[in-house]
Amino acid sequence: GLNSRPDETVAATEIGIIGYSLDRRILDSCGLVTPEALEFLPVPR
């Protein structure tokens, strides 16, 4: 939050506290709230 601009995005695997604490667009790599992730799941072995 201190080292980014408001229009920048953040990708994370666990978005709970990050999404709660940070006023930025959060990209959820697990696809729970970011549908763009679904095409990459499940992750290949």
Full PDB file with SEQRES, HELIX, SHEET, SSBOND, CRYST1, ORIGX, SCALE, CONECT and MASTER records, all heavy atoms in Angstrom:
SEQRES   1 A   45  GLY LEU ASN SER ARG PRO ASP GLU THR VAL ALA ALA THR          
SEQRES   2 A   45  GLU ILE GLY ILE ILE GLY TYR SER LEU ASP ARG ARG ILE          
SEQRES   3 A   45  LEU ASP SER CYS GLY LEU VAL THR PRO GLU ALA LEU GLU          
SEQRES   4 A   45  PHE LEU PRO VAL PRO ARG                                      
HELIX    1 AA1 GLY A   16  SER A   21  1                                   6    
HELIX    2 AA2 PRO A   35  PHE A   40  5                                   6    
SHEET    1 AA1 2 THR A   9  ALA A  12  0                                        
SHEET    2 AA1 2 ARG A  25  ASP A  28  1                                        
CRYST1    1.000    1.000    1.000  90.00  90.00  90.00 P 1           1          
ORIGX1      1.000000  0.000000  0.000000        0.00000                         
ORIGX2      0.000000  1.000000  0.000000        0.00000                         
ORIGX3      0.000000  0.000000  1.000000        0.00000                         
SCALE1      1.000000  0.000000  0.000000        0.00000                         
SCALE2      0.000000  1.000000  0.000000        0.00000                         
SCALE3      0.000000  0.000000  1.000000        0.00000                         
ATOM      1  N   GLY A   1       0.807  -1.214   0.000  1.00  0.00           N  
ATOM      2  CA  GLY A   1       0.000   0.000   0.000  1.00  0.00           C  
ATOM      3  C   GLY A   1       0.845   1.271   0.000  1.00  0.00           C  
ATOM      4  O   GLY A   1       0.521   2.255  -0.668  1.00  0.00           O  
ATOM      5  N   LEU A   2       1.941   1.234   0.722  1.00  0.00           N  
ATOM      6  CA  LEU A   2       2.822   2.401   0.803  1.00  0.00           C  
ATOM      7  C   LEU A   2       3.731   2.539  -0.419  1.00  0.00           C  
ATOM      8  O   LEU A   2       4.261   3.615  -0.675  1.00  0.00           O  
ATOM      9  CB  LEU A   2       3.691   2.321   2.065  1.00  0.00           C  
ATOM     10  CG  LEU A   2       2.959   2.437   3.395  1.00  0.00           C  
ATOM     11  CD1 LEU A   2       3.903   2.140   4.558  1.00  0.00           C  
ATOM     12  CD2 LEU A   2       2.339   3.821   3.538  1.00  0.00           C  
ATOM     13  N   ASN A   3       3.928   1.449  -1.149  1.00  0.00           N  
ATOM     14  CA  ASN A   3       4.888   1.442  -2.256  1.00  0.00           C  
ATOM     15  C   ASN A   3       4.253   1.166  -3.609  1.00  0.00           C  
ATOM     16  O   ASN A   3       4.922   0.668  -4.522  1.00  0.00           O  
ATOM     17  CB  ASN A   3       5.989   0.407  -1.970  1.00  0.00           C  
ATOM     18  CG  ASN A   3       6.841   0.814  -0.798  1.00  0.00           C  
ATOM     19  OD1 ASN A   3       7.742   1.618  -0.932  1.00  0.00           O  
ATOM     20  ND2 ASN A   3       6.530   0.280   0.381  1.00  0.00           N  
ATOM     21  N   SER A   4       2.984   1.461  -3.727  1.00  0.00           N  
ATOM     22  CA  SER A   4       2.288   1.255  -5.001  1.00  0.00           C  
ATOM     23  C   SER A   4       1.296   2.383  -5.229  1.00  0.00           C  
ATOM     24  O   SER A   4       0.976   3.141  -4.319  1.00  0.00           O  
ATOM     25  CB  SER A   4       1.552  -0.089  -5.000  1.00  0.00           C  
ATOM     26  OG  SER A   4       0.510  -0.084  -4.042  1.00  0.00           O  
ATOM     27  N   ARG A   5       0.835   2.449  -6.470  1.00  0.00           N  
ATOM     28  CA  ARG A   5      -0.199   3.429  -6.818  1.00  0.00           C  
ATOM     29  C   ARG A   5      -1.578   2.774  -6.706  1.00  0.00           C  
ATOM     30  O   ARG A   5      -1.686   1.552  -6.836  1.00  0.00           O  
ATOM     31  CB  ARG A   5       0.012   3.922  -8.254  1.00  0.00           C  
ATOM     32  CG  ARG A   5       1.321   4.665  -8.468  1.00  0.00           C  
ATOM     33  CD  ARG A   5       1.419   5.202  -9.907  1.00  0.00           C  
ATOM     34  NE  ARG A   5       0.969   4.261 -10.923  1.00  0.00           N  
ATOM     35  CZ  ARG A   5       1.756   3.380 -11.542  1.00  0.00           C  
ATOM     36  NH1 ARG A   5       3.026   3.298 -11.233  1.00  0.00           N  
ATOM     37  NH2 ARG A   5       1.258   2.578 -12.472  1.00  0.00           N  
ATOM     38  N   PRO A   6      -2.618   3.565  -6.500  1.00  0.00           N  
ATOM     39  CA  PRO A   6      -3.970   2.992  -6.363  1.00  0.00           C  
ATOM     40  C   PRO A   6      -4.445   2.196  -7.576  1.00  0.00           C  
ATOM     41  O   PRO A   6      -5.281   1.315  -7.439  1.00  0.00           O  
ATOM     42  CB  PRO A   6      -4.855   4.223  -6.154  1.00  0.00           C  
ATOM     43  CG  PRO A   6      -3.938   5.255  -5.595  1.00  0.00           C  
ATOM     44  CD  PRO A   6      -2.601   5.002  -6.221  1.00  0.00           C  
ATOM     45  N   ASP A   7      -3.913   2.460  -8.764  1.00  0.00           N  
ATOM     46  CA  ASP A   7      -4.358   1.744  -9.958  1.00  0.00           C  
ATOM     47  C   ASP A   7      -3.581   0.455 -10.209  1.00  0.00           C  
ATOM     48  O   ASP A   7      -3.871  -0.270 -11.155  1.00  0.00           O  
ATOM     49  CB  ASP A   7      -4.264   2.653 -11.189  1.00  0.00           C  
ATOM     50  CG  ASP A   7      -2.830   3.064 -11.502  1.00  0.00           C  
ATOM     51  OD1 ASP A   7      -2.016   3.194 -10.570  1.00  0.00           O  
ATOM     52  OD2 ASP A   7      -2.528   3.264 -12.701  1.00  0.00           O  
ATOM     53  N   GLU A   8      -2.616   0.109  -9.357  1.00  0.00           N  
ATOM     54  CA  GLU A   8      -1.821  -1.092  -9.558  1.00  0.00           C  
ATOM     55  C   GLU A   8      -2.535  -2.323  -8.992  1.00  0.00           C  
ATOM     56  O   GLU A   8      -3.340  -2.222  -8.072  1.00  0.00           O  
ATOM     57  CB  GLU A   8      -0.427  -0.926  -8.951  1.00  0.00           C  
ATOM     58  CG  GLU A   8       0.392   0.109  -9.726  1.00  0.00           C  
ATOM     59  CD  GLU A   8       1.811   0.222  -9.240  1.00  0.00           C  
ATOM     60  OE1 GLU A   8       2.015   0.422  -8.026  1.00  0.00           O  
ATOM     61  OE2 GLU A   8       2.719   0.127 -10.084  1.00  0.00           O  
ATOM     62  N   THR A   9      -2.197  -3.485  -9.559  1.00  0.00           N  
ATOM     63  CA  THR A   9      -2.857  -4.732  -9.175  1.00  0.00           C  
ATOM     64  C   THR A   9      -1.900  -5.636  -8.401  1.00  0.00           C  
ATOM     65  O   THR A   9      -0.684  -5.560  -8.554  1.00  0.00           O  
ATOM     66  CB  THR A   9      -3.361  -5.494 -10.414  1.00  0.00           C  
ATOM     67  OG1 THR A   9      -2.268  -5.730 -11.294  1.00  0.00           O  
ATOM     68  CG2 THR A   9      -4.446  -4.717 -11.132  1.00  0.00           C  
ATOM     69  N   VAL A  10      -2.498  -6.506  -7.590  1.00  0.00           N  
ATOM     70  CA  VAL A  10      -1.736  -7.430  -6.753  1.00  0.00           C  
ATOM     71  C   VAL A  10      -2.300  -8.831  -6.938  1.00  0.00           C  
ATOM     72  O   VAL A  10      -3.495  -9.048  -6.717  1.00  0.00           O  
ATOM     73  CB  VAL A  10      -1.829  -7.029  -5.262  1.00  0.00           C  
ATOM     74  CG1 VAL A  10      -1.071  -8.011  -4.388  1.00  0.00           C  
ATOM     75  CG2 VAL A  10      -1.352  -5.606  -5.044  1.00  0.00           C  
ATOM     76  N   ALA A  11      -1.447  -9.782  -7.333  1.00  0.00           N  
ATOM     77  CA  ALA A  11      -1.856 -11.181  -7.420  1.00  0.00           C  
ATOM     78  C   ALA A  11      -1.423 -11.882  -6.140  1.00  0.00           C  
ATOM     79  O   ALA A  11      -0.327 -11.644  -5.631  1.00  0.00           O  
ATOM     80  CB  ALA A  11      -1.215 -11.862  -8.626  1.00  0.00           C  
ATOM     81  N   ALA A  12      -2.281 -12.733  -5.611  1.00  0.00           N  
ATOM     82  CA  ALA A  12      -1.978 -13.443  -4.366  1.00  0.00           C  
ATOM     83  C   ALA A  12      -2.661 -14.804  -4.373  1.00  0.00           C  
ATOM     84  O   ALA A  12      -3.668 -15.002  -5.054  1.00  0.00           O  
ATOM     85  CB  ALA A  12      -2.433 -12.627  -3.159  1.00  0.00           C  
ATOM     86  N   THR A  13      -2.090 -15.726  -3.591  1.00  0.00           N  
ATOM     87  CA  THR A  13      -2.712 -17.042  -3.453  1.00  0.00           C  
ATOM     88  C   THR A  13      -3.688 -17.068  -2.288  1.00  0.00           C  
ATOM     89  O   THR A  13      -4.676 -17.783  -2.322  1.00  0.00           O  
ATOM     90  CB  THR A  13      -1.644 -18.127  -3.231  1.00  0.00           C  
ATOM     91  OG1 THR A  13      -0.703 -17.657  -2.291  1.00  0.00           O  
ATOM     92  CG2 THR A  13      -0.948 -18.477  -4.522  1.00  0.00           C  
ATOM     93  N   GLU A  14      -3.390 -16.311  -1.248  1.00  0.00           N  
ATOM     94  CA  GLU A  14      -4.286 -16.182  -0.097  1.00  0.00           C  
ATOM     95  C   GLU A  14      -4.660 -14.708   0.001  1.00  0.00           C  
ATOM     96  O   GLU A  14      -3.836 -13.888   0.383  1.00  0.00           O  
ATOM     97  CB  GLU A  14      -3.596 -16.656   1.178  1.00  0.00           C  
ATOM     98  CG  GLU A  14      -3.259 -18.130   1.154  1.00  0.00           C  
ATOM     99  CD  GLU A  14      -2.641 -18.602   2.457  1.00  0.00           C  
ATOM    100  OE1 GLU A  14      -1.564 -18.096   2.825  1.00  0.00           O  
ATOM    101  OE2 GLU A  14      -3.242 -19.469   3.115  1.00  0.00           O  
ATOM    102  N   ILE A  15      -5.887 -14.397  -0.347  1.00  0.00           N  
ATOM    103  CA  ILE A  15      -6.254 -12.990  -0.505  1.00  0.00           C  
ATOM    104  C   ILE A  15      -6.948 -12.377   0.702  1.00  0.00           C  
ATOM    105  O   ILE A  15      -7.178 -11.181   0.721  1.00  0.00           O  
ATOM    106  CB  ILE A  15      -7.144 -12.791  -1.745  1.00  0.00           C  
ATOM    107  CG1 ILE A  15      -8.472 -13.533  -1.578  1.00  0.00           C  
ATOM    108  CG2 ILE A  15      -6.422 -13.217  -3.000  1.00  0.00           C  
ATOM    109  CD1 ILE A  15      -9.510 -13.156  -2.594  1.00  0.00           C  
ATOM    110  N   GLY A  16      -7.250 -13.151   1.726  1.00  0.00           N  
ATOM    111  CA  GLY A  16      -8.037 -12.672   2.861  1.00  0.00           C  
ATOM    112  C   GLY A  16      -7.582 -11.361   3.459  1.00  0.00           C  
ATOM    113  O   GLY A  16      -8.212 -10.321   3.271  1.00  0.00           O  
ATOM    114  N   ILE A  17      -6.497 -11.374   4.197  1.00  0.00           N  
ATOM    115  CA  ILE A  17      -6.022 -10.157   4.862  1.00  0.00           C  
ATOM    116  C   ILE A  17      -5.524  -9.140   3.852  1.00  0.00           C  
ATOM    117  O   ILE A  17      -5.711  -7.941   4.031  1.00  0.00           O  
ATOM    118  CB  ILE A  17      -4.938 -10.506   5.902  1.00  0.00           C  
ATOM    119  CG1 ILE A  17      -5.602 -11.159   7.114  1.00  0.00           C  
ATOM    120  CG2 ILE A  17      -4.141  -9.280   6.321  1.00  0.00           C  
ATOM    121  CD1 ILE A  17      -4.665 -11.551   8.219  1.00  0.00           C  
ATOM    122  N   ILE A  18      -4.920  -9.616   2.762  1.00  0.00           N  
ATOM    123  CA  ILE A  18      -4.443  -8.687   1.740  1.00  0.00           C  
ATOM    124  C   ILE A  18      -5.619  -7.918   1.150  1.00  0.00           C  
ATOM    125  O   ILE A  18      -5.587  -6.697   1.042  1.00  0.00           O  
ATOM    126  CB  ILE A  18      -3.656  -9.438   0.650  1.00  0.00           C  
ATOM    127  CG1 ILE A  18      -2.360  -9.985   1.244  1.00  0.00           C  
ATOM    128  CG2 ILE A  18      -3.369  -8.538  -0.538  1.00  0.00           C  
ATOM    129  CD1 ILE A  18      -1.611 -10.912   0.345  1.00  0.00           C  
ATOM    130  N   GLY A  19      -6.661  -8.621   0.775  1.00  0.00           N  
ATOM    131  CA  GLY A  19      -7.836  -7.963   0.215  1.00  0.00           C  
ATOM    132  C   GLY A  19      -8.551  -7.069   1.210  1.00  0.00           C  
ATOM    133  O   GLY A  19      -9.083  -6.021   0.851  1.00  0.00           O  
ATOM    134  N   TYR A  20      -8.547  -7.472   2.460  1.00  0.00           N  
ATOM    135  CA  TYR A  20      -9.203  -6.690   3.500  1.00  0.00           C  
ATOM    136  C   TYR A  20      -8.412  -5.410   3.805  1.00  0.00           C  
ATOM    137  O   TYR A  20      -8.989  -4.344   4.002  1.00  0.00           O  
ATOM    138  CB  TYR A  20      -9.336  -7.530   4.772  1.00  0.00           C  
ATOM    139  CG  TYR A  20      -9.981  -6.803   5.913  1.00  0.00           C  
ATOM    140  CD1 TYR A  20     -11.365  -6.643   5.967  1.00  0.00           C  
ATOM    141  CD2 TYR A  20      -9.217  -6.260   6.952  1.00  0.00           C  
ATOM    142  CE1 TYR A  20     -11.963  -5.967   7.019  1.00  0.00           C  
ATOM    143  CE2 TYR A  20      -9.808  -5.580   8.003  1.00  0.00           C  
ATOM    144  CZ  TYR A  20     -11.180  -5.438   8.028  1.00  0.00           C  
ATOM    145  OH  TYR A  20     -11.765  -4.763   9.065  1.00  0.00           O  
ATOM    146  N   SER A  21      -7.087  -5.521   3.813  1.00  0.00           N  
ATOM    147  CA  SER A  21      -6.226  -4.417   4.244  1.00  0.00           C  
ATOM    148  C   SER A  21      -5.805  -3.477   3.129  1.00  0.00           C  
ATOM    149  O   SER A  21      -5.418  -2.348   3.393  1.00  0.00           O  
ATOM    150  CB  SER A  21      -4.939  -4.968   4.873  1.00  0.00           C  
ATOM    151  OG  SER A  21      -5.219  -5.869   5.898  1.00  0.00           O  
ATOM    152  N   LEU A  22      -5.843  -3.934   1.904  1.00  0.00           N  
ATOM    153  CA  LEU A  22      -5.223  -3.200   0.815  1.00  0.00           C  
ATOM    154  C   LEU A  22      -6.265  -2.692  -0.168  1.00  0.00           C  
ATOM    155  O   LEU A  22      -7.057  -3.465  -0.700  1.00  0.00           O  
ATOM    156  CB  LEU A  22      -4.231  -4.131   0.100  1.00  0.00           C  
ATOM    157  CG  LEU A  22      -3.311  -3.556  -0.932  1.00  0.00           C  
ATOM    158  CD1 LEU A  22      -2.449  -2.443  -0.350  1.00  0.00           C  
ATOM    159  CD2 LEU A  22      -2.414  -4.655  -1.488  1.00  0.00           C  
ATOM    160  N   ASP A  23      -6.241  -1.409  -0.427  1.00  0.00           N  
ATOM    161  CA  ASP A  23      -7.180  -0.799  -1.365  1.00  0.00           C  
ATOM    162  C   ASP A  23      -6.572  -0.798  -2.769  1.00  0.00           C  
ATOM    163  O   ASP A  23      -6.230   0.243  -3.314  1.00  0.00           O  
ATOM    164  CB  ASP A  23      -7.509   0.621  -0.911  1.00  0.00           C  
ATOM    165  CG  ASP A  23      -8.618   1.245  -1.727  1.00  0.00           C  
ATOM    166  OD1 ASP A  23      -9.376   0.500  -2.373  1.00  0.00           O  
ATOM    167  OD2 ASP A  23      -8.714   2.490  -1.739  1.00  0.00           O  
ATOM    168  N   ARG A  24      -6.410  -2.003  -3.306  1.00  0.00           N  
ATOM    169  CA  ARG A  24      -5.896  -2.205  -4.652  1.00  0.00           C  
ATOM    170  C   ARG A  24      -6.716  -3.328  -5.276  1.00  0.00           C  
ATOM    171  O   ARG A  24      -7.367  -4.101  -4.577  1.00  0.00           O  
ATOM    172  CB  ARG A  24      -4.409  -2.631  -4.652  1.00  0.00           C  
ATOM    173  CG  ARG A  24      -3.449  -1.684  -3.980  1.00  0.00           C  
ATOM    174  CD  ARG A  24      -3.244  -0.413  -4.792  1.00  0.00           C  
ATOM    175  NE  ARG A  24      -2.283   0.485  -4.174  1.00  0.00           N  
ATOM    176  CZ  ARG A  24      -2.583   1.420  -3.280  1.00  0.00           C  
ATOM    177  NH1 ARG A  24      -3.824   1.566  -2.857  1.00  0.00           N  
ATOM    178  NH2 ARG A  24      -1.649   2.223  -2.804  1.00  0.00           N  
ATOM    179  N   ARG A  25      -6.643  -3.451  -6.598  1.00  0.00           N  
ATOM    180  CA  ARG A  25      -7.319  -4.579  -7.243  1.00  0.00           C  
ATOM    181  C   ARG A  25      -6.509  -5.830  -6.932  1.00  0.00           C  
ATOM    182  O   ARG A  25      -5.324  -5.912  -7.223  1.00  0.00           O  
ATOM    183  CB  ARG A  25      -7.407  -4.375  -8.748  1.00  0.00           C  
ATOM    184  CG  ARG A  25      -8.124  -5.523  -9.411  1.00  0.00           C  
ATOM    185  CD  ARG A  25      -8.511  -5.231 -10.841  1.00  0.00           C  
ATOM    186  NE  ARG A  25      -9.162  -6.407 -11.391  1.00  0.00           N  
ATOM    187  CZ  ARG A  25      -8.749  -7.045 -12.461  1.00  0.00           C  
ATOM    188  NH1 ARG A  25      -7.726  -6.601 -13.147  1.00  0.00           N  
ATOM    189  NH2 ARG A  25      -9.382  -8.111 -12.870  1.00  0.00           N  
ATOM    190  N   ILE A  26      -7.169  -6.817  -6.331  1.00  0.00           N  
ATOM    191  CA  ILE A  26      -6.529  -8.057  -5.936  1.00  0.00           C  
ATOM    192  C   ILE A  26      -6.936  -9.153  -6.919  1.00  0.00           C  
ATOM    193  O   ILE A  26      -8.124  -9.349  -7.189  1.00  0.00           O  
ATOM    194  CB  ILE A  26      -6.950  -8.478  -4.507  1.00  0.00           C  
ATOM    195  CG1 ILE A  26      -6.745  -7.334  -3.510  1.00  0.00           C  
ATOM    196  CG2 ILE A  26      -6.208  -9.739  -4.081  1.00  0.00           C  
ATOM    197  CD1 ILE A  26      -5.330  -6.875  -3.334  1.00  0.00           C  
ATOM    198  N   LEU A  27      -5.941  -9.867  -7.435  1.00  0.00           N  
ATOM    199  CA  LEU A  27      -6.173 -10.989  -8.334  1.00  0.00           C  
ATOM    200  C   LEU A  27      -5.939 -12.275  -7.561  1.00  0.00           C  
ATOM    201  O   LEU A  27      -4.843 -12.518  -7.062  1.00  0.00           O  
ATOM    202  CB  LEU A  27      -5.224 -10.912  -9.536  1.00  0.00           C  
ATOM    203  CG  LEU A  27      -5.319  -9.620 -10.355  1.00  0.00           C  
ATOM    204  CD1 LEU A  27      -4.191  -9.558 -11.366  1.00  0.00           C  
ATOM    205  CD2 LEU A  27      -6.675  -9.523 -11.032  1.00  0.00           C  
ATOM    206  N   ASP A  28      -6.951 -13.088  -7.469  1.00  0.00           N  
ATOM    207  CA  ASP A  28      -6.927 -14.328  -6.691  1.00  0.00           C  
ATOM    208  C   ASP A  28      -6.523 -15.489  -7.587  1.00  0.00           C  
ATOM    209  O   ASP A  28      -7.309 -15.909  -8.446  1.00  0.00           O  
ATOM    210  CB  ASP A  28      -8.310 -14.546  -6.085  1.00  0.00           C  
ATOM    211  CG  ASP A  28      -8.494 -15.907  -5.480  1.00  0.00           C  
ATOM    212  OD1 ASP A  28      -7.492 -16.529  -5.080  1.00  0.00           O  
ATOM    213  OD2 ASP A  28      -9.656 -16.354  -5.402  1.00  0.00           O  
ATOM    214  N   SER A  29      -5.317 -16.024  -7.398  1.00  0.00           N  
ATOM    215  CA  SER A  29      -4.836 -17.097  -8.277  1.00  0.00           C  
ATOM    216  C   SER A  29      -5.585 -18.409  -8.075  1.00  0.00           C  
ATOM    217  O   SER A  29      -5.466 -19.313  -8.903  1.00  0.00           O  
ATOM    218  CB  SER A  29      -3.338 -17.324  -8.072  1.00  0.00           C  
ATOM    219  OG  SER A  29      -3.069 -17.889  -6.809  1.00  0.00           O  
ATOM    220  N   CYS A  30      -6.363 -18.524  -7.011  1.00  0.00           N  
ATOM    221  CA  CYS A  30      -7.154 -19.739  -6.782  1.00  0.00           C  
ATOM    222  C   CYS A  30      -8.518 -19.670  -7.464  1.00  0.00           C  
ATOM    223  O   CYS A  30      -9.277 -20.640  -7.455  1.00  0.00           O  
ATOM    224  CB  CYS A  30      -7.323 -19.992  -5.288  1.00  0.00           C  
ATOM    225  SG  CYS A  30      -5.771 -20.379  -4.474  1.00  0.00           S  
ATOM    226  N   GLY A  31      -8.856 -18.519  -8.032  1.00  0.00           N  
ATOM    227  CA  GLY A  31     -10.083 -18.383  -8.808  1.00  0.00           C  
ATOM    228  C   GLY A  31     -11.353 -18.193  -8.019  1.00  0.00           C  
ATOM    229  O   GLY A  31     -12.439 -18.233  -8.586  1.00  0.00           O  
ATOM    230  N   LEU A  32     -11.255 -17.965  -6.714  1.00  0.00           N  
ATOM    231  CA  LEU A  32     -12.472 -17.799  -5.915  1.00  0.00           C  
ATOM    232  C   LEU A  32     -13.204 -16.504  -6.251  1.00  0.00           C  
ATOM    233  O   LEU A  32     -14.427 -16.475  -6.264  1.00  0.00           O  
ATOM    234  CB  LEU A  32     -12.135 -17.849  -4.423  1.00  0.00           C  
ATOM    235  CG  LEU A  32     -11.517 -19.165  -3.947  1.00  0.00           C  
ATOM    236  CD1 LEU A  32     -11.084 -19.053  -2.500  1.00  0.00           C  
ATOM    237  CD2 LEU A  32     -12.488 -20.307  -4.140  1.00  0.00           C  
ATOM    238  N   VAL A  33     -12.450 -15.427  -6.509  1.00  0.00           N  
ATOM    239  CA  VAL A  33     -13.074 -14.147  -6.856  1.00  0.00           C  
ATOM    240  C   VAL A  33     -12.514 -13.565  -8.153  1.00  0.00           C  
ATOM    241  O   VAL A  33     -12.911 -12.487  -8.559  1.00  0.00           O  
ATOM    242  CB  VAL A  33     -12.930 -13.110  -5.715  1.00  0.00           C  
ATOM    243  CG1 VAL A  33     -13.663 -13.562  -4.472  1.00  0.00           C  
ATOM    244  CG2 VAL A  33     -11.474 -12.813  -5.410  1.00  0.00           C  
ATOM    245  N   THR A  34     -11.600 -14.287  -8.792  1.00  0.00           N  
ATOM    246  CA  THR A  34     -11.003 -13.836 -10.051  1.00  0.00           C  
ATOM    247  C   THR A  34     -11.216 -14.923 -11.102  1.00  0.00           C  
ATOM    248  O   THR A  34     -10.437 -15.871 -11.197  1.00  0.00           O  
ATOM    249  CB  THR A  34      -9.489 -13.551  -9.875  1.00  0.00           C  
ATOM    250  OG1 THR A  34      -9.316 -12.646  -8.781  1.00  0.00           O  
ATOM    251  CG2 THR A  34      -8.884 -12.958 -11.131  1.00  0.00           C  
ATOM    252  N   PRO A  35     -12.277 -14.793 -11.912  1.00  0.00           N  
ATOM    253  CA  PRO A  35     -12.590 -15.835 -12.886  1.00  0.00           C  
ATOM    254  C   PRO A  35     -11.478 -16.082 -13.906  1.00  0.00           C  
ATOM    255  O   PRO A  35     -11.373 -17.181 -14.445  1.00  0.00           O  
ATOM    256  CB  PRO A  35     -13.856 -15.326 -13.580  1.00  0.00           C  
ATOM    257  CG  PRO A  35     -14.344 -14.182 -12.784  1.00  0.00           C  
ATOM    258  CD  PRO A  35     -13.249 -13.718 -11.901  1.00  0.00           C  
ATOM    259  N   GLU A  36     -10.625 -15.088 -14.153  1.00  0.00           N  
ATOM    260  CA  GLU A  36      -9.529 -15.262 -15.108  1.00  0.00           C  
ATOM    261  C   GLU A  36      -8.596 -16.406 -14.702  1.00  0.00           C  
ATOM    262  O   GLU A  36      -7.895 -16.975 -15.540  1.00  0.00           O  
ATOM    263  CB  GLU A  36      -8.686 -13.976 -15.239  1.00  0.00           C  
ATOM    264  CG  GLU A  36      -9.429 -12.787 -15.765  1.00  0.00           C  
ATOM    265  CD  GLU A  36     -10.019 -11.906 -14.667  1.00  0.00           C  
ATOM    266  OE1 GLU A  36     -10.321 -12.419 -13.580  1.00  0.00           O  
ATOM    267  OE2 GLU A  36     -10.177 -10.701 -14.903  1.00  0.00           O  
ATOM    268  N   ALA A  37      -8.569 -16.744 -13.428  1.00  0.00           N  
ATOM    269  CA  ALA A  37      -7.674 -17.804 -12.941  1.00  0.00           C  
ATOM    270  C   ALA A  37      -8.176 -19.198 -13.289  1.00  0.00           C  
ATOM    271  O   ALA A  37      -7.385 -20.140 -13.367  1.00  0.00           O  
ATOM    272  CB  ALA A  37      -7.506 -17.692 -11.425  1.00  0.00           C  
ATOM    273  N   LEU A  38      -9.465 -19.341 -13.521  1.00  0.00           N  
ATOM    274  CA  LEU A  38     -10.049 -20.669 -13.689  1.00  0.00           C  
ATOM    275  C   LEU A  38      -9.466 -21.452 -14.856  1.00  0.00           C  
ATOM    276  O   LEU A  38      -9.312 -22.668 -14.771  1.00  0.00           O  
ATOM    277  CB  LEU A  38     -11.565 -20.558 -13.818  1.00  0.00           C  
ATOM    278  CG  LEU A  38     -12.276 -20.015 -12.580  1.00  0.00           C  
ATOM    279  CD1 LEU A  38     -13.765 -19.871 -12.839  1.00  0.00           C  
ATOM    280  CD2 LEU A  38     -12.006 -20.882 -11.365  1.00  0.00           C  
ATOM    281  N   GLU A  39      -9.089 -20.782 -15.936  1.00  0.00           N  
ATOM    282  CA  GLU A  39      -8.544 -21.519 -17.083  1.00  0.00           C  
ATOM    283  C   GLU A  39      -7.169 -22.109 -16.794  1.00  0.00           C  
ATOM    284  O   GLU A  39      -6.691 -22.965 -17.534  1.00  0.00           O  
ATOM    285  CB  GLU A  39      -8.496 -20.634 -18.329  1.00  0.00           C  
ATOM    286  CG  GLU A  39      -7.440 -19.557 -18.299  1.00  0.00           C  
ATOM    287  CD  GLU A  39      -7.404 -18.762 -19.593  1.00  0.00           C  
ATOM    288  OE1 GLU A  39      -6.717 -19.198 -20.544  1.00  0.00           O  
ATOM    289  OE2 GLU A  39      -8.070 -17.715 -19.636  1.00  0.00           O  
ATOM    290  N   PHE A  40      -6.523 -21.682 -15.704  1.00  0.00           N  
ATOM    291  CA  PHE A  40      -5.200 -22.182 -15.351  1.00  0.00           C  
ATOM    292  C   PHE A  40      -5.246 -23.209 -14.216  1.00  0.00           C  
ATOM    293  O   PHE A  40      -4.209 -23.629 -13.720  1.00  0.00           O  
ATOM    294  CB  PHE A  40      -4.279 -21.017 -14.975  1.00  0.00           C  
ATOM    295  CG  PHE A  40      -4.200 -19.999 -16.071  1.00  0.00           C  
ATOM    296  CD1 PHE A  40      -4.916 -18.816 -15.990  1.00  0.00           C  
ATOM    297  CD2 PHE A  40      -3.446 -20.248 -17.203  1.00  0.00           C  
ATOM    298  CE1 PHE A  40      -4.870 -17.894 -17.013  1.00  0.00           C  
ATOM    299  CE2 PHE A  40      -3.384 -19.328 -18.233  1.00  0.00           C  
ATOM    300  CZ  PHE A  40      -4.108 -18.147 -18.140  1.00  0.00           C  
ATOM    301  N   LEU A  41      -6.456 -23.597 -13.839  1.00  0.00           N  
ATOM    302  CA  LEU A  41      -6.651 -24.566 -12.762  1.00  0.00           C  
ATOM    303  C   LEU A  41      -7.308 -25.824 -13.289  1.00  0.00           C  
ATOM    304  O   LEU A  41      -8.138 -25.746 -14.191  1.00  0.00           O  
ATOM    305  CB  LEU A  41      -7.526 -23.939 -11.671  1.00  0.00           C  
ATOM    306  CG  LEU A  41      -6.967 -22.662 -11.048  1.00  0.00           C  
ATOM    307  CD1 LEU A  41      -7.988 -22.053 -10.094  1.00  0.00           C  
ATOM    308  CD2 LEU A  41      -5.655 -22.916 -10.338  1.00  0.00           C  
ATOM    309  N   PRO A  42      -6.986 -26.972 -12.793  1.00  0.00           N  
ATOM    310  CA  PRO A  42      -5.947 -27.217 -11.803  1.00  0.00           C  
ATOM    311  C   PRO A  42      -4.561 -27.004 -12.410  1.00  0.00           C  
ATOM    312  O   PRO A  42      -4.363 -27.176 -13.614  1.00  0.00           O  
ATOM    313  CB  PRO A  42      -6.150 -28.675 -11.387  1.00  0.00           C  
ATOM    314  CG  PRO A  42      -6.806 -29.310 -12.579  1.00  0.00           C  
ATOM    315  CD  PRO A  42      -7.638 -28.230 -13.226  1.00  0.00           C  
ATOM    316  N   VAL A  43      -3.636 -26.659 -11.551  1.00  0.00           N  
ATOM    317  CA  VAL A  43      -2.261 -26.429 -11.981  1.00  0.00           C  
ATOM    318  C   VAL A  43      -1.634 -27.777 -12.330  1.00  0.00           C  
ATOM    319  O   VAL A  43      -1.746 -28.729 -11.551  1.00  0.00           O  
ATOM    320  CB  VAL A  43      -1.455 -25.730 -10.859  1.00  0.00           C  
ATOM    321  CG1 VAL A  43      -0.017 -25.499 -11.285  1.00  0.00           C  
ATOM    322  CG2 VAL A  43      -2.129 -24.423 -10.465  1.00  0.00           C  
ATOM    323  N   PRO A  44      -0.989 -27.879 -13.493  1.00  0.00           N  
ATOM    324  CA  PRO A  44      -0.377 -29.160 -13.875  1.00  0.00           C  
ATOM    325  C   PRO A  44       0.651 -29.634 -12.851  1.00  0.00           C  
ATOM    326  O   PRO A  44       1.347 -28.825 -12.241  1.00  0.00           O  
ATOM    327  CB  PRO A  44       0.306 -28.853 -15.219  1.00  0.00           C  
ATOM    328  CG  PRO A  44      -0.278 -27.577 -15.687  1.00  0.00           C  
ATOM    329  CD  PRO A  44      -0.784 -26.848 -14.484  1.00  0.00           C  
ATOM    330  N   ARG A  45       0.739 -30.918 -12.676  1.00  0.00           N  
ATOM    331  CA  ARG A  45       1.641 -31.522 -11.682  1.00  0.00           C  
ATOM    332  C   ARG A  45       3.081 -31.052 -11.864  1.00  0.00           C  
ATOM    333  O   ARG A  45       3.774 -30.797 -10.885  1.00  0.00           O  
ATOM    334  CB  ARG A  45       1.558 -33.049 -11.786  1.00  0.00           C  
ATOM    335  CG  ARG A  45       2.457 -33.781 -10.847  1.00  0.00           C  
ATOM    336  CD  ARG A  45       1.696 -34.168  -9.634  1.00  0.00           C  
ATOM    337  NE  ARG A  45       2.512 -35.021  -8.796  1.00  0.00           N  
ATOM    338  CZ  ARG A  45       2.272 -35.179  -7.533  1.00  0.00           C  
ATOM    339  NH1 ARG A  45       1.249 -34.574  -6.983  1.00  0.00           N  
ATOM    340  NH2 ARG A  45       3.010 -35.941  -6.805  1.00  0.00           N  
TER     341      ARG A  45                                                      
MASTER        0    0    0    2    2    0    0    6  340    1    0    4          
END                                                                             
